[in-house]
C-alpha atoms as a PDB file:
ATOM      1  CA  MET A   1     -38.623  59.655  13.538  1.00  0.00           C
ATOM      2  CA  LEU A   2     -38.366  62.905  15.537  1.00  0.00           C
ATOM      3  CA  LYS A   3     -39.608  64.926  12.560  1.00  0.00           C
ATOM      4  CA  ASN A   4     -42.708  62.740  12.210  1.00  0.00           C
ATOM      5  CA  PHE A   5     -43.324  62.941  15.960  1.00  0.00           C
ATOM      6  CA  ILE A   6     -43.205  66.749  15.833  1.00  0.00           C
ATOM      7  CA  LYS A   7     -45.602  66.782  12.869  1.00  0.00           C
ATOM      8  CA  ASP A   8     -47.994  64.414  14.646  1.00  0.00           C
ATOM      9  CA  LEU A   9     -47.832  66.515  17.795  1.00  0.00           C
ATOM     10  CA  GLY A  10     -48.448  69.698  15.801  1.00  0.00           C
ATOM     11  CA  VAL A  11     -51.526  68.285  14.050  1.00  0.00           C
ATOM     12  CA  PHE A  12     -52.798  66.802  17.314  1.00  0.00           C
ATOM     13  CA  THR A  13     -52.392  70.147  19.113  1.00  0.00           C
ATOM     14  CA  TYR A  14     -54.073  72.023  16.247  1.00  0.00           C
ATOM     15  CA  HIS A  15     -57.185  69.842  16.304  1.00  0.00           C
ATOM     16  CA  GLN A  16     -57.270  69.815  20.106  1.00  0.00           C
ATOM     17  CA  SER A  17     -57.209  73.609  20.030  1.00  0.00           C
ATOM     18  CA  LEU A  18     -60.119  73.744  17.583  1.00  0.00           C
ATOM     19  CA  SER A  19     -62.023  71.283  19.760  1.00  0.00           C
ATOM     20  CA  CYS A  20     -61.502  73.582  22.761  1.00  0.00           C
ATOM     21  CA  ILE A  21     -62.877  76.775  21.169  1.00  0.00           C
ATOM     22  CA  PHE A  22     -65.993  76.873  23.342  1.00  0.00           C
ATOM     23  CA  PRO A  23     -64.136  76.363  26.675  1.00  0.00           C
ATOM     24  CA  VAL A  24     -61.464  78.887  25.650  1.00  0.00           C
ATOM     25  CA  VAL A  25     -64.114  81.504  24.850  1.00  0.00           C
ATOM     26  CA  ILE A  26     -65.686  80.965  28.275  1.00  0.00           C
ATOM     27  CA  PHE A  27     -62.335  81.357  30.061  1.00  0.00           C
ATOM     28  CA  ALA A  28     -61.458  84.437  28.021  1.00  0.00           C
ATOM     29  CA  THR A  29     -64.853  85.957  28.861  1.00  0.00           C
ATOM     30  CA  LEU A  30     -64.372  85.196  32.559  1.00  0.00           C
ATOM     31  CA  ALA A  31     -60.982  86.917  32.519  1.00  0.00           C
ATOM     32  CA  PHE A  32     -62.242  89.912  30.516  1.00  0.00           C
ATOM     33  CA  SER A  33     -65.358  90.409  32.637  1.00  0.00           C
ATOM     34  CA  LYS A  34     -63.307  90.232  35.850  1.00  0.00           C
ATOM     35  CA  ALA A  35     -60.842  92.856  34.626  1.00  0.00           C
ATOM     36  CA  ILE A  36     -63.346  95.202  32.966  1.00  0.00           C
ATOM     37  CA  GLN A  37     -66.814  96.017  34.239  1.00  0.00           C
ATOM     38  CA  ILE A  38     -69.432  96.924  31.642  1.00  0.00           C
ATOM     39  CA  PRO A  39     -71.731  99.682  32.941  1.00  0.00           C
ATOM     40  CA  GLY A  40     -75.347  98.591  33.346  1.00  0.00           C
ATOM     41  CA  VAL A  41     -74.642  94.939  32.511  1.00  0.00           C
ATOM     42  CA  GLY A  42     -74.238  92.245  35.157  1.00  0.00           C
ATOM     43  CA  ARG A  43     -71.171  90.074  34.762  1.00  0.00           C
ATOM     44  CA  TYR A  44     -73.105  86.804  34.688  1.00  0.00           C
ATOM     45  CA  ASP A  45     -75.568  88.279  32.171  1.00  0.00           C
ATOM     46  CA  PHE A  46     -72.682  89.341  29.930  1.00  0.00           C
ATOM     47  CA  ILE A  47     -71.126  85.868  30.079  1.00  0.00           C
ATOM     48  CA  LEU A  48     -74.473  84.302  29.093  1.00  0.00           C
ATOM     49  CA  VAL A  49     -74.766  86.592  26.053  1.00  0.00           C
ATOM     50  CA  ILE A  50     -71.232  85.664  24.935  1.00  0.00           C
ATOM     51  CA  CYS A  51     -71.986  81.939  25.382  1.00  0.00           C
ATOM     52  CA  LEU A  52     -75.159  82.190  23.300  1.00  0.00           C
ATOM     53  CA  LEU A  53     -73.372  84.198  20.616  1.00  0.00           C
ATOM     54  CA  THR A  54     -70.491  81.712  20.535  1.00  0.00           C
ATOM     55  CA  GLN A  55     -72.902  78.806  20.188  1.00  0.00           C
ATOM     56  CA  TYR A  56     -74.662  80.523  17.290  1.00  0.00           C
ATOM     57  CA  LEU A  57     -71.434  81.442  15.477  1.00  0.00           C
ATOM     58  CA  MET A  58     -69.964  77.951  15.854  1.00  0.00           C
ATOM     59  CA  TYR A  59     -73.065  76.490  14.229  1.00  0.00           C
ATOM     60  CA  LYS A  60     -73.247  79.257  11.612  1.00  0.00           C
ATOM     61  CA  PHE A  61     -69.660  78.666  10.475  1.00  0.00           C
ATOM     62  CA  GLY A  62     -69.928  74.889  10.510  1.00  0.00           C
ATOM     63  CA  LEU A  63     -67.780  74.233  13.579  1.00  0.00           C
ATOM     64  CA  GLU A  64     -70.691  72.349  15.127  1.00  0.00           C
ATOM     65  CA  THR A  65     -73.408  70.287  13.489  1.00  0.00           C
ATOM     66  CA  LYS A  66     -77.125  70.315  14.272  1.00  0.00           C
ATOM     67  CA  ASP A  67     -76.868  66.937  16.035  1.00  0.00           C
ATOM     68  CA  GLU A  68     -73.959  68.214  18.128  1.00  0.00           C
ATOM     69  CA  ILE A  69     -76.047  71.242  19.141  1.00  0.00           C
ATOM     70  CA  LYS A  70     -78.723  68.842  20.401  1.00  0.00           C
ATOM     71  CA  VAL A  71     -76.155  67.002  22.527  1.00  0.00           C
ATOM     72  CA  ILE A  72     -74.784  70.286  23.873  1.00  0.00           C
ATOM     73  CA  CYS A  73     -78.288  71.478  24.822  1.00  0.00           C
ATOM     74  CA  LEU A  74     -78.857  68.202  26.668  1.00  0.00           C
ATOM     75  CA  PHE A  75     -75.660  68.744  28.634  1.00  0.00           C
ATOM     76  CA  HIS A  76     -76.722  72.318  29.401  1.00  0.00           C
ATOM     77  CA  ILE A  77     -79.908  70.999  31.018  1.00  0.00           C
ATOM     78  CA  ILE A  78     -78.115  68.202  32.899  1.00  0.00           C
ATOM     79  CA  GLY A  79     -75.510  70.660  34.183  1.00  0.00           C
ATOM     80  CA  LEU A  80     -78.061  73.305  35.171  1.00  0.00           C
ATOM     81  CA  VAL A  81     -80.100  70.793  37.187  1.00  0.00           C
ATOM     82  CA  LEU A  82     -76.939  69.692  39.009  1.00  0.00           C
ATOM     83  CA  GLU A  83     -75.950  73.326  39.648  1.00  0.00           C
ATOM     84  CA  LEU A  84     -79.345  74.177  41.150  1.00  0.00           C
ATOM     85  CA  TYR A  85     -79.100  71.214  43.475  1.00  0.00           C
ATOM     86  CA  LYS A  86     -75.486  71.787  44.543  1.00  0.00           C
ATOM     87  CA  VAL A  87     -75.896  75.521  45.145  1.00  0.00           C
ATOM     88  CA  ASN A  88     -78.946  74.771  47.299  1.00  0.00           C
ATOM     89  CA  PHE A  89     -76.702  72.534  49.456  1.00  0.00           C
ATOM     90  CA  ASN A  90     -73.998  75.240  49.648  1.00  0.00           C
ATOM     91  CA  SER A  91     -71.450  73.102  47.782  1.00  0.00           C
ATOM     92  CA  TRP A  92     -70.456  76.302  45.967  1.00  0.00           C
ATOM     93  CA  SER A  93     -72.018  79.661  45.213  1.00  0.00           C
ATOM     94  CA  TYR A  94     -72.421  82.442  42.655  1.00  0.00           C
ATOM     95  CA  PRO A  95     -72.199  85.588  44.783  1.00  0.00           C
ATOM     96  CA  GLU A  96     -72.693  88.262  42.111  1.00  0.00           C
ATOM     97  CA  GLU A  97     -76.049  89.758  41.160  1.00  0.00           C
ATOM     98  CA  ALA A  98     -77.599  89.069  37.757  1.00  0.00           C
ATOM     99  CA  TRP A  99     -80.921  89.179  35.945  1.00  0.00           C
ATOM    100  CA  THR A 100     -80.345  85.709  34.521  1.00  0.00           C
ATOM    101  CA  LYS A 101     -80.127  83.804  37.798  1.00  0.00           C
ATOM    102  CA  ILE A 102     -82.587  81.091  38.810  1.00  0.00           C
ATOM    103  CA  GLY A 103     -82.440  79.707  42.338  1.00  0.00           C
ATOM    104  CA  GLY A 104     -79.096  81.413  42.876  1.00  0.00           C
ATOM    105  CA  VAL A 105     -77.611  79.869  39.728  1.00  0.00           C
ATOM    106  CA  PRO A 106     -76.757  81.969  36.641  1.00  0.00           C
ATOM    107  CA  LEU A 107     -77.949  80.432  33.393  1.00  0.00           C
ATOM    108  CA  TYR A 108     -74.477  80.686  31.878  1.00  0.00           C
ATOM    109  CA  SER A 109     -73.312  77.942  34.275  1.00  0.00           C
ATOM    110  CA  GLY A 110     -74.994  75.298  32.120  1.00  0.00           C
ATOM    111  CA  PHE A 111     -72.688  76.285  29.269  1.00  0.00           C
ATOM    112  CA  MET A 112     -69.663  75.219  31.307  1.00  0.00           C
ATOM    113  CA  TYR A 113     -71.005  71.671  31.149  1.00  0.00           C
ATOM    114  CA  ALA A 114     -72.067  72.202  27.546  1.00  0.00           C
ATOM    115  CA  SER A 115     -68.502  73.229  26.690  1.00  0.00           C
ATOM    116  CA  VAL A 116     -67.324  69.789  27.858  1.00  0.00           C
ATOM    117  CA  ALA A 117     -69.860  68.217  25.501  1.00  0.00           C
ATOM    118  CA  SER A 118     -68.709  70.546  22.716  1.00  0.00           C
ATOM    119  CA  TYR A 119     -65.120  69.390  23.223  1.00  0.00           C
ATOM    120  CA  ILE A 120     -66.064  65.698  23.234  1.00  0.00           C
ATOM    121  CA  CYS A 121     -68.225  65.995  20.101  1.00  0.00           C
ATOM    122  CA  GLN A 122     -65.615  67.936  18.161  1.00  0.00           C
ATOM    123  CA  ALA A 123     -62.709  65.765  19.260  1.00  0.00           C
ATOM    124  CA  TRP A 124     -64.738  62.673  18.328  1.00  0.00           C
ATOM    125  CA  ARG A 125     -65.255  64.027  14.818  1.00  0.00           C
ATOM    126  CA  ARG A 126     -61.829  65.608  14.247  1.00  0.00           C
ATOM    127  CA  PHE A 127     -59.862  62.567  15.423  1.00  0.00           C
ATOM    128  CA  ASP A 128     -62.290  60.036  13.938  1.00  0.00           C
ATOM    129  CA  LEU A 129     -62.691  58.343  17.299  1.00  0.00           C
ATOM    130  CA  LYS A 130     -63.574  54.685  17.360  1.00  0.00           C
ATOM    131  CA  ILE A 131     -64.330  52.775  20.533  1.00  0.00           C
ATOM    132  CA  VAL A 132     -63.571  49.074  20.704  1.00  0.00           C
ATOM    133  CA  SER A 133     -65.538  46.759  23.040  1.00  0.00           C
ATOM    134  CA  TRP A 134     -68.018  49.342  24.261  1.00  0.00           C
ATOM    135  CA  PRO A 135     -70.206  47.729  26.969  1.00  0.00           C
ATOM    136  CA  LYS A 136     -73.792  46.783  26.217  1.00  0.00           C
ATOM    137  CA  SER A 137     -76.417  49.501  26.559  1.00  0.00           C
ATOM    138  CA  TYR A 138     -78.175  47.634  29.371  1.00  0.00           C
ATOM    139  CA  VAL A 139     -74.918  47.984  31.350  1.00  0.00           C
ATOM    140  CA  ALA A 140     -73.716  51.428  30.254  1.00  0.00           C
ATOM    141  CA  ILE A 141     -77.017  53.332  30.622  1.00  0.00           C
ATOM    142  CA  PRO A 142     -77.887  52.204  34.198  1.00  0.00           C
ATOM    143  CA  LEU A 143     -74.265  52.735  35.267  1.00  0.00           C
ATOM    144  CA  GLY A 144     -74.285  56.284  33.885  1.00  0.00           C
ATOM    145  CA  ALA A 145     -77.607  56.973  35.601  1.00  0.00           C
ATOM    146  CA  VAL A 146     -76.308  55.721  38.964  1.00  0.00           C
ATOM    147  CA  ILE A 147     -73.160  57.859  38.638  1.00  0.00           C
ATOM    148  CA  TYR A 148     -75.283  60.954  37.963  1.00  0.00           C
ATOM    149  CA  LEU A 149     -77.648  60.163  40.849  1.00  0.00           C
ATOM    150  CA  ASN A 150     -74.704  59.766  43.224  1.00  0.00           C
ATOM    151  CA  PHE A 151     -73.920  63.472  42.729  1.00  0.00           C
ATOM    152  CA  PHE A 152     -77.298  64.126  44.370  1.00  0.00           C
ATOM    153  CA  THR A 153     -77.712  61.317  46.883  1.00  0.00           C
ATOM    154  CA  HIS A 154     -74.299  61.540  48.585  1.00  0.00           C
ATOM    155  CA  HIS A 155     -75.684  64.462  50.598  1.00  0.00           C
ATOM    156  CA  PHE A 156     -78.049  62.022  52.336  1.00  0.00           C
ATOM    157  CA  ILE A 157     -76.447  58.593  52.115  1.00  0.00           C
ATOM    158  CA  TYR A 158     -72.998  57.112  51.598  1.00  0.00           C
ATOM    159  CA  ASP A 159     -70.888  58.553  48.758  1.00  0.00           C
ATOM    160  CA  PHE A 160     -70.400  55.663  46.360  1.00  0.00           C
ATOM    161  CA  ARG A 161     -67.941  57.451  44.036  1.00  0.00           C
ATOM    162  CA  TRP A 162     -64.969  55.211  44.837  1.00  0.00           C
ATOM    163  CA  LEU A 163     -67.063  52.080  44.479  1.00  0.00           C
ATOM    164  CA  LEU A 164     -68.409  53.398  41.168  1.00  0.00           C
ATOM    165  CA  MET A 165     -64.895  54.171  39.959  1.00  0.00           C
ATOM    166  CA  ALA A 166     -63.823  50.622  40.802  1.00  0.00           C
ATOM    167  CA  LEU A 167     -66.875  49.314  38.940  1.00  0.00           C
ATOM    168  CA  LEU A 168     -65.932  51.443  35.923  1.00  0.00           C
ATOM    169  CA  PHE A 169     -62.527  49.770  35.741  1.00  0.00           C
ATOM    170  CA  ILE A 170     -64.281  46.392  35.696  1.00  0.00           C
ATOM    171  CA  VAL A 171     -66.897  47.368  33.089  1.00  0.00           C
ATOM    172  CA  PHE A 172     -64.447  49.158  30.788  1.00  0.00           C
ATOM    173  CA  TYR A 173     -61.309  47.051  31.277  1.00  0.00           C
ATOM    174  CA  ARG A 174     -61.486  45.794  27.670  1.00  0.00           C
ATOM    175  CA  THR A 175     -62.621  49.084  26.127  1.00  0.00           C
ATOM    176  CA  ILE A 176     -60.104  50.888  23.923  1.00  0.00           C
ATOM    177  CA  VAL A 177     -60.435  54.266  22.234  1.00  0.00           C
ATOM    178  CA  LYS A 178     -58.749  54.746  18.862  1.00  0.00           C
ATOM    179  CA  PHE A 179     -57.995  58.155  17.359  1.00  0.00           C
ATOM    180  CA  THR A 180     -56.383  59.171  14.093  1.00  0.00           C
ATOM    181  CA  VAL A 181     -53.656  61.802  13.580  1.00  0.00           C
ATOM    182  CA  ARG A 182     -52.221  62.280  10.081  1.00  0.00           C
ATOM    183  CA  ASN A 183     -53.599  58.903   8.954  1.00  0.00           C
ATOM    184  CA  LYS A 184     -51.914  57.201  11.893  1.00  0.00           C
ATOM    185  CA  VAL A 185     -54.127  55.361  14.352  1.00  0.00           C
ATOM    186  CA  PHE A 186     -53.284  55.630  18.031  1.00  0.00           C
ATOM    187  CA  LYS A 187     -55.073  53.915  20.888  1.00  0.00           C
ATOM    188  CA  MET A 188     -55.369  53.976  24.677  1.00  0.00           C
ATOM    189  CA  PRO A 189     -57.556  52.384  27.350  1.00  0.00           C
ATOM    190  CA  ILE A 190     -60.708  54.475  27.607  1.00  0.00           C
ATOM    191  CA  VAL A 191     -60.371  54.689  31.406  1.00  0.00           C
ATOM    192  CA  VAL A 192     -57.079  56.546  30.864  1.00  0.00           C
ATOM    193  CA  SER A 193     -58.874  59.037  28.617  1.00  0.00           C
ATOM    194  CA  PHE A 194     -61.534  59.487  31.342  1.00  0.00           C
ATOM    195  CA  PHE A 195     -58.820  60.420  33.817  1.00  0.00           C
ATOM    196  CA  LEU A 196     -56.856  62.679  31.463  1.00  0.00           C
ATOM    197  CA  ILE A 197     -59.915  64.712  30.449  1.00  0.00           C
ATOM    198  CA  GLY A 198     -61.064  64.890  34.076  1.00  0.00           C
ATOM    199  CA  PHE A 199     -57.618  66.078  35.179  1.00  0.00           C
ATOM    200  CA  PHE A 200     -57.500  68.870  32.604  1.00  0.00           C
ATOM    201  CA  ILE A 201     -61.047  69.932  33.525  1.00  0.00           C
ATOM    202  CA  TRP A 202     -59.853  70.167  37.149  1.00  0.00           C
ATOM    203  CA  ILE A 203     -57.051  72.471  35.988  1.00  0.00           C
ATOM    204  CA  ALA A 204     -59.650  74.496  34.070  1.00  0.00           C
ATOM    205  CA  GLU A 205     -61.797  74.598  37.219  1.00  0.00           C
ATOM    206  CA  ASN A 206     -58.932  76.179  39.122  1.00  0.00           C
ATOM    207  CA  ILE A 207     -58.653  78.839  36.428  1.00  0.00           C
ATOM    208  CA  ALA A 208     -62.428  79.390  36.443  1.00  0.00           C
ATOM    209  CA  THR A 209     -62.639  79.818  40.222  1.00  0.00           C
ATOM    210  CA  PHE A 210     -59.634  82.152  40.143  1.00  0.00           C
ATOM    211  CA  PHE A 211     -61.569  84.389  37.746  1.00  0.00           C
ATOM    212  CA  GLY A 212     -64.679  84.175  39.932  1.00  0.00           C
ATOM    213  CA  ALA A 213     -66.866  81.908  37.813  1.00  0.00           C
ATOM    214  CA  TRP A 214     -68.063  80.435  41.123  1.00  0.00           C
ATOM    215  CA  SER A 215     -66.652  80.030  44.621  1.00  0.00           C
ATOM    216  CA  TYR A 216     -66.244  77.064  46.929  1.00  0.00           C
ATOM    217  CA  PRO A 217     -66.720  77.732  50.659  1.00  0.00           C
ATOM    218  CA  ASN A 218     -62.942  77.751  51.248  1.00  0.00           C
ATOM    219  CA  GLN A 219     -62.493  80.349  48.478  1.00  0.00           C
ATOM    220  CA  GLU A 220     -64.906  82.995  49.746  1.00  0.00           C
ATOM    221  CA  VAL A 221     -62.254  85.004  51.654  1.00  0.00           C
ATOM    222  CA  SER A 222     -59.361  84.401  49.257  1.00  0.00           C
ATOM    223  CA  TRP A 223     -58.749  82.077  46.329  1.00  0.00           C
ATOM    224  CA  SER A 224     -57.090  78.722  46.975  1.00  0.00           C
ATOM    225  CA  ILE A 225     -56.501  75.678  44.813  1.00  0.00           C
ATOM    226  CA  VAL A 226     -59.484  73.390  44.287  1.00  0.00           C
ATOM    227  CA  HIS A 227     -59.173  70.220  46.359  1.00  0.00           C
ATOM    228  CA  PHE A 228     -57.535  67.330  44.502  1.00  0.00           C
ATOM    229  CA  GLY A 229     -60.517  65.166  45.403  1.00  0.00           C
ATOM    230  CA  LYS A 230     -62.544  67.109  42.832  1.00  0.00           C
ATOM    231  CA  ILE A 231     -60.617  65.247  40.115  1.00  0.00           C
ATOM    232  CA  SER A 232     -62.680  62.169  40.988  1.00  0.00           C
ATOM    233  CA  SER A 233     -65.888  64.172  40.487  1.00  0.00           C
ATOM    234  CA  TRP A 234     -64.751  65.354  37.079  1.00  0.00           C
ATOM    235  CA  PHE A 235     -63.601  61.825  36.223  1.00  0.00           C
ATOM    236  CA  LEU A 236     -67.148  60.591  36.845  1.00  0.00           C
ATOM    237  CA  LEU A 237     -68.712  63.515  34.994  1.00  0.00           C
ATOM    238  CA  VAL A 238     -66.513  62.798  31.963  1.00  0.00           C
ATOM    239  CA  VAL A 239     -67.663  59.167  32.082  1.00  0.00           C
ATOM    240  CA  ILE A 240     -71.290  60.333  31.959  1.00  0.00           C
ATOM    241  CA  SER A 241     -70.478  62.743  29.122  1.00  0.00           C
ATOM    242  CA  ILE A 242     -68.770  60.162  26.927  1.00  0.00           C
ATOM    243  CA  MET A 243     -71.469  57.608  27.727  1.00  0.00           C
ATOM    244  CA  ILE A 244     -74.188  59.989  26.537  1.00  0.00           C
ATOM    245  CA  VAL A 245     -72.353  60.826  23.319  1.00  0.00           C
ATOM    246  CA  ALA A 246     -71.593  57.152  22.626  1.00  0.00           C
ATOM    247  CA  GLN A 247     -75.152  56.007  23.348  1.00  0.00           C
ATOM    248  CA  LEU A 248     -76.592  58.751  21.138  1.00  0.00           C
ATOM    249  CA  LYS A 249     -74.332  57.632  18.317  1.00  0.00           C
ATOM    250  CA  LEU A 250     -75.663  54.127  18.783  1.00  0.00           C
ATOM    251  CA  PHE A 251     -79.206  55.484  18.811  1.00  0.00           C
ATOM    252  CA  TYR A 252     -78.619  57.263  15.495  1.00  0.00           C
ATOM    253  CA  ARG A 253     -77.198  54.085  14.000  1.00  0.00           C
ATOM    254  CA  ASP A 254     -73.614  55.337  13.816  1.00  0.00           C
ATOM    255  CA  ALA A 255     -72.356  52.217  15.548  1.00  0.00           C
ATOM    256  CA  GLY A 256     -70.889  50.688  12.424  1.00  0.00           C
ATOM    257  CA  GLU A 257     -68.784  53.774  11.818  1.00  0.00           C
ATOM    258  CA  ASN A 258     -67.789  54.864  15.297  1.00  0.00           C
ATOM    259  CA  LEU A 259     -68.181  51.943  17.699  1.00  0.00           C
ATOM    260  CA  GLU A 260     -66.488  48.623  17.137  1.00  0.00           C
ATOM    261  CA  LYS A 261     -67.250  45.375  18.923  1.00  0.00           C
END
């Protein structure tokens, strides 16, 4: 029993590591560029070049498919729009100079969102994810849209994040995600997976801010841990991410293979 558990854990960790290549490259680049300054090259510009090169190499060597690249590009745009809006409202900032900054936001920032999409797409494929009782599109799509809009509107009106999280528990209470490790099928409530991914992204965010990827107002003088409340933001962002991937799979008629009723 213990031997099989160790084997399962080893295979699970191996495929999780492969799924995290893009995020790991970004973190490694952040650490490298903070420790070593390249003469004549802005740090944010350097990070963008590495992100583009990584994206190309992952596709070139078959780690990502053409359809996955399309999803990742979509996330890059969604993330960049959110970054432009949030930086304009001083939610956080990118203090360093760079040629590849638009509206105070470096273009590489979109790849941080794209790396989340890269992880989801790869994990979906490597673990043969199947989702049971996925809500109808006329429920999932408007809900995802409202969650995304709340990231913008809470600056003007009430922040509905806690209400939306409660609604998510209602909408997804029957939804189960199945994943396969060594021909064994495991399952968990999809809301739990939302939280777990969001929690680990929050940990990654702490690492990213420590290496100066961006700075919150309370981190401008000296680094401090990102507020625990940010976990709820990442929870909601993960929901949007998985919704987009799932709906695209439905759109491309993969429902019979990946989504079960």
